[in-house]
Amino acid sequence: MPQITLRKKTDVSSPSDLKVTVQDRTFEYLMNAINPEIRISAFLDEDVAQVDADYVDVFVGEDCPYRSTITKIIPGSKTRTGIALPAEMKAGEQLTIIVTRSRTDV
């Protein structure tokens, strides 16, 4: 399954970035959808000692024509609720990421 990166600085990678996995159809949607706001369901591949609340940008890939700016991160799922960020999260747990999008090639 494809990965996307949650970045703490727009257009700059750093050691504090968080890689998460998305389903194939979610990745395709991120690459092609023209919607100004998207809700992304992502999953952790490994335990993370601290998932922060201050990620600002979703990096999809060099060839993605959209900038995805994070407006909200919702940790947990129907089975694990009430998680407040920053928090420790385990492999397989879910993040819902709400982003606003703008084209980078105009």
C-alpha atoms as a PDB file:
ATOM      1  CA  MET A   1       0.000   0.000   0.000  1.00  0.00           C
ATOM      2  CA  PRO A   2       1.240   3.521  -0.745  1.00  0.00           C
ATOM      3  CA  GLN A   3       2.628   5.897   1.846  1.00  0.00           C
ATOM      4  CA  ILE A   4       2.199   9.618   2.313  1.00  0.00           C
ATOM      5  CA  THR A   5       4.189  11.865   4.632  1.00  0.00           C
ATOM      6  CA  LEU A   6       2.853  14.299   7.201  1.00  0.00           C
ATOM      7  CA  ARG A   7       5.312  17.192   7.364  1.00  0.00           C
ATOM      8  CA  LYS A   8       5.856  19.788  10.060  1.00  0.00           C
ATOM      9  CA  LYS A   9       7.124  22.362   7.544  1.00  0.00           C
ATOM     10  CA  THR A  10       5.584  23.064   4.155  1.00  0.00           C
ATOM     11  CA  ASP A  11       7.674  21.629   1.302  1.00  0.00           C
ATOM     12  CA  VAL A  12      10.529  20.665   3.649  1.00  0.00           C
ATOM     13  CA  SER A  13      11.247  17.147   4.854  1.00  0.00           C
ATOM     14  CA  SER A  14      12.650  16.626   8.344  1.00  0.00           C
ATOM     15  CA  PRO A  15      13.289  13.803  10.828  1.00  0.00           C
ATOM     16  CA  SER A  16      10.064  14.727  12.651  1.00  0.00           C
ATOM     17  CA  ASP A  17       7.919  13.883   9.589  1.00  0.00           C
ATOM     18  CA  LEU A  18       5.472  10.997   9.959  1.00  0.00           C
ATOM     19  CA  LYS A  19       5.005   8.382   7.227  1.00  0.00           C
ATOM     20  CA  VAL A  20       1.569   6.787   7.123  1.00  0.00           C
ATOM     21  CA  THR A  21      -0.059   4.252   4.827  1.00  0.00           C
ATOM     22  CA  VAL A  22      -3.186   4.841   2.764  1.00  0.00           C
ATOM     23  CA  GLN A  23      -5.242   2.542   0.579  1.00  0.00           C
ATOM     24  CA  ASP A  24      -4.529   2.492  -3.160  1.00  0.00           C
ATOM     25  CA  ARG A  25      -7.801   4.235  -3.969  1.00  0.00           C
ATOM     26  CA  THR A  26      -7.059   6.990  -1.420  1.00  0.00           C
ATOM     27  CA  PHE A  27      -3.655   7.587  -2.993  1.00  0.00           C
ATOM     28  CA  GLU A  28      -5.194   7.825  -6.479  1.00  0.00           C
ATOM     29  CA  TYR A  29      -7.812  10.222  -5.140  1.00  0.00           C
ATOM     30  CA  LEU A  30      -5.089  12.431  -3.629  1.00  0.00           C
ATOM     31  CA  MET A  31      -3.258  12.493  -6.947  1.00  0.00           C
ATOM     32  CA  ASN A  32      -6.279  13.264  -9.133  1.00  0.00           C
ATOM     33  CA  ALA A  33      -9.267  14.725  -7.264  1.00  0.00           C
ATOM     34  CA  ILE A  34     -10.064  18.389  -7.767  1.00  0.00           C
ATOM     35  CA  ASN A  35     -12.025  18.781  -4.518  1.00  0.00           C
ATOM     36  CA  PRO A  36     -10.882  21.744  -2.387  1.00  0.00           C
ATOM     37  CA  GLU A  37     -11.203  19.701   0.835  1.00  0.00           C
ATOM     38  CA  ILE A  38     -10.461  16.014   1.349  1.00  0.00           C
ATOM     39  CA  ARG A  39     -10.716  13.667   4.324  1.00  0.00           C
ATOM     40  CA  ILE A  40      -7.894  11.095   4.339  1.00  0.00           C
ATOM     41  CA  SER A  41      -7.933   7.834   6.301  1.00  0.00           C
ATOM     42  CA  ALA A  42      -4.368   6.779   7.051  1.00  0.00           C
ATOM     43  CA  PHE A  43      -2.806   4.042   9.151  1.00  0.00           C
ATOM     44  CA  LEU A  44       0.433   3.737  11.104  1.00  0.00           C
ATOM     45  CA  ASP A  45       2.830   1.010   9.952  1.00  0.00           C
ATOM     46  CA  GLU A  46       4.722   0.955  13.222  1.00  0.00           C
ATOM     47  CA  ASP A  47       4.432   2.114  16.809  1.00  0.00           C
ATOM     48  CA  VAL A  48       5.069   5.850  17.137  1.00  0.00           C
ATOM     49  CA  ALA A  49       6.201   7.249  20.490  1.00  0.00           C
ATOM     50  CA  GLN A  50       4.619  10.629  19.777  1.00  0.00           C
ATOM     51  CA  VAL A  51       2.163  11.566  17.065  1.00  0.00           C
ATOM     52  CA  ASP A  52       1.928  15.353  17.130  1.00  0.00           C
ATOM     53  CA  ALA A  53      -0.926  17.702  16.317  1.00  0.00           C
ATOM     54  CA  ASP A  54       1.207  20.275  14.497  1.00  0.00           C
ATOM     55  CA  TYR A  55       1.793  18.642  11.110  1.00  0.00           C
ATOM     56  CA  VAL A  56       1.019  21.229   8.431  1.00  0.00           C
ATOM     57  CA  ASP A  57       1.427  19.552   5.060  1.00  0.00           C
ATOM     58  CA  VAL A  58       0.750  16.187   3.380  1.00  0.00           C
ATOM     59  CA  PHE A  59       3.440  15.132   0.912  1.00  0.00           C
ATOM     60  CA  VAL A  60       1.910  12.716  -1.600  1.00  0.00           C
ATOM     61  CA  GLY A  61       4.649  12.559  -4.232  1.00  0.00           C
ATOM     62  CA  GLU A  62       6.861  14.724  -6.426  1.00  0.00           C
ATOM     63  CA  ASP A  63       4.436  14.376  -9.325  1.00  0.00           C
ATOM     64  CA  CYS A  64       1.296  15.352  -7.383  1.00  0.00           C
ATOM     65  CA  PRO A  65      -0.129  18.595  -8.836  1.00  0.00           C
ATOM     66  CA  TYR A  66      -1.757  19.602  -5.518  1.00  0.00           C
ATOM     67  CA  ARG A  67      -0.557  21.008  -2.213  1.00  0.00           C
ATOM     68  CA  SER A  68      -2.495  19.462   0.671  1.00  0.00           C
ATOM     69  CA  THR A  69      -2.518  21.666   3.766  1.00  0.00           C
ATOM     70  CA  ILE A  70      -3.616  19.966   6.972  1.00  0.00           C
ATOM     71  CA  THR A  71      -6.500  21.655   8.762  1.00  0.00           C
ATOM     72  CA  LYS A  72      -7.238  18.926  11.321  1.00  0.00           C
ATOM     73  CA  ILE A  73      -5.906  15.557  12.499  1.00  0.00           C
ATOM     74  CA  ILE A  74      -8.296  13.195  14.261  1.00  0.00           C
ATOM     75  CA  PRO A  75      -6.557  10.237  15.931  1.00  0.00           C
ATOM     76  CA  GLY A  76      -8.217   6.916  16.626  1.00  0.00           C
ATOM     77  CA  SER A  77     -11.159   5.027  15.237  1.00  0.00           C
ATOM     78  CA  LYS A  78     -14.562   3.755  16.310  1.00  0.00           C
ATOM     79  CA  THR A  79     -12.871   1.219  18.581  1.00  0.00           C
ATOM     80  CA  ARG A  80     -10.331   3.604  20.135  1.00  0.00           C
ATOM     81  CA  THR A  81     -11.603   7.080  20.839  1.00  0.00           C
ATOM     82  CA  GLY A  82     -10.638   9.968  23.069  1.00  0.00           C
ATOM     83  CA  ILE A  83      -7.005  10.195  21.968  1.00  0.00           C
ATOM     84  CA  ALA A  84      -5.605  13.691  22.433  1.00  0.00           C
ATOM     85  CA  LEU A  85      -2.506  14.641  20.455  1.00  0.00           C
ATOM     86  CA  PRO A  86       0.368  14.535  21.094  1.00  0.00           C
ATOM     87  CA  ALA A  87       0.030  10.869  21.959  1.00  0.00           C
ATOM     88  CA  GLU A  88       1.658   7.492  21.582  1.00  0.00           C
ATOM     89  CA  MET A  89      -0.012   5.404  18.901  1.00  0.00           C
ATOM     90  CA  LYS A  90       0.441   1.796  17.858  1.00  0.00           C
ATOM     91  CA  ALA A  91       0.940   0.129  14.486  1.00  0.00           C
ATOM     92  CA  GLY A  92      -2.358  -0.288  12.669  1.00  0.00           C
ATOM     93  CA  GLU A  93      -4.067   2.623  14.384  1.00  0.00           C
ATOM     94  CA  GLN A  94      -5.882   5.175  12.274  1.00  0.00           C
ATOM     95  CA  LEU A  95      -5.533   8.899  11.691  1.00  0.00           C
ATOM     96  CA  THR A  96      -8.171  10.896   9.862  1.00  0.00           C
ATOM     97  CA  ILE A  97      -6.525  13.890   8.211  1.00  0.00           C
ATOM     98  CA  ILE A  98      -8.586  16.753   6.815  1.00  0.00           C
ATOM     99  CA  VAL A  99      -6.790  18.841   4.206  1.00  0.00           C
ATOM    100  CA  THR A 100      -7.475  21.809   1.974  1.00  0.00           C
ATOM    101  CA  ARG A 101      -5.966  21.609  -1.477  1.00  0.00           C
ATOM    102  CA  SER A 102      -4.598  23.968  -4.051  1.00  0.00           C
ATOM    103  CA  ARG A 103      -2.907  23.354  -7.396  1.00  0.00           C
ATOM    104  CA  THR A 104       0.848  23.817  -7.475  1.00  0.00           C
ATOM    105  CA  ASP A 105       1.164  24.054 -11.257  1.00  0.00           C
ATOM    106  CA  VAL A 106      -0.884  27.217 -11.924  1.00  0.00           C
END
